[in-house]
């Protein structure tokens, strides 16, 4: 299971830090990722991190977002800086590749 928190309303150029507490599996050995979805679109991969802390980002967020993990807390993070209106979406975390079970997500709205 995945419990995402940290979303909210922020102005363009602002920052947010998302957190995801995972449970029900051995968090330490799985690659994790953040995904996002807007209405009427498919869920897309935003950033991924392996069990060895190797990271990968979608081109649209490179240089602005940072994914990290704390294995001791079974938690994945997504630091989002220089937010743009097009980052508005519901953000989810899951394994990479994703399992069939998704959390409720956390909504991020970027607007003036």
Foldseek 3Di string as FASTA:
>chain_A
DKDKDWADEAAQQAKIKMKIADDDDQLLQFKKFKWWDDPPDDIGTAKIAGSVGDIDGDPVQPPFKDWDDDSVRNMIMIIGGRDDQVVFTFMWMATVVGDPDTDPGHTHGYHD
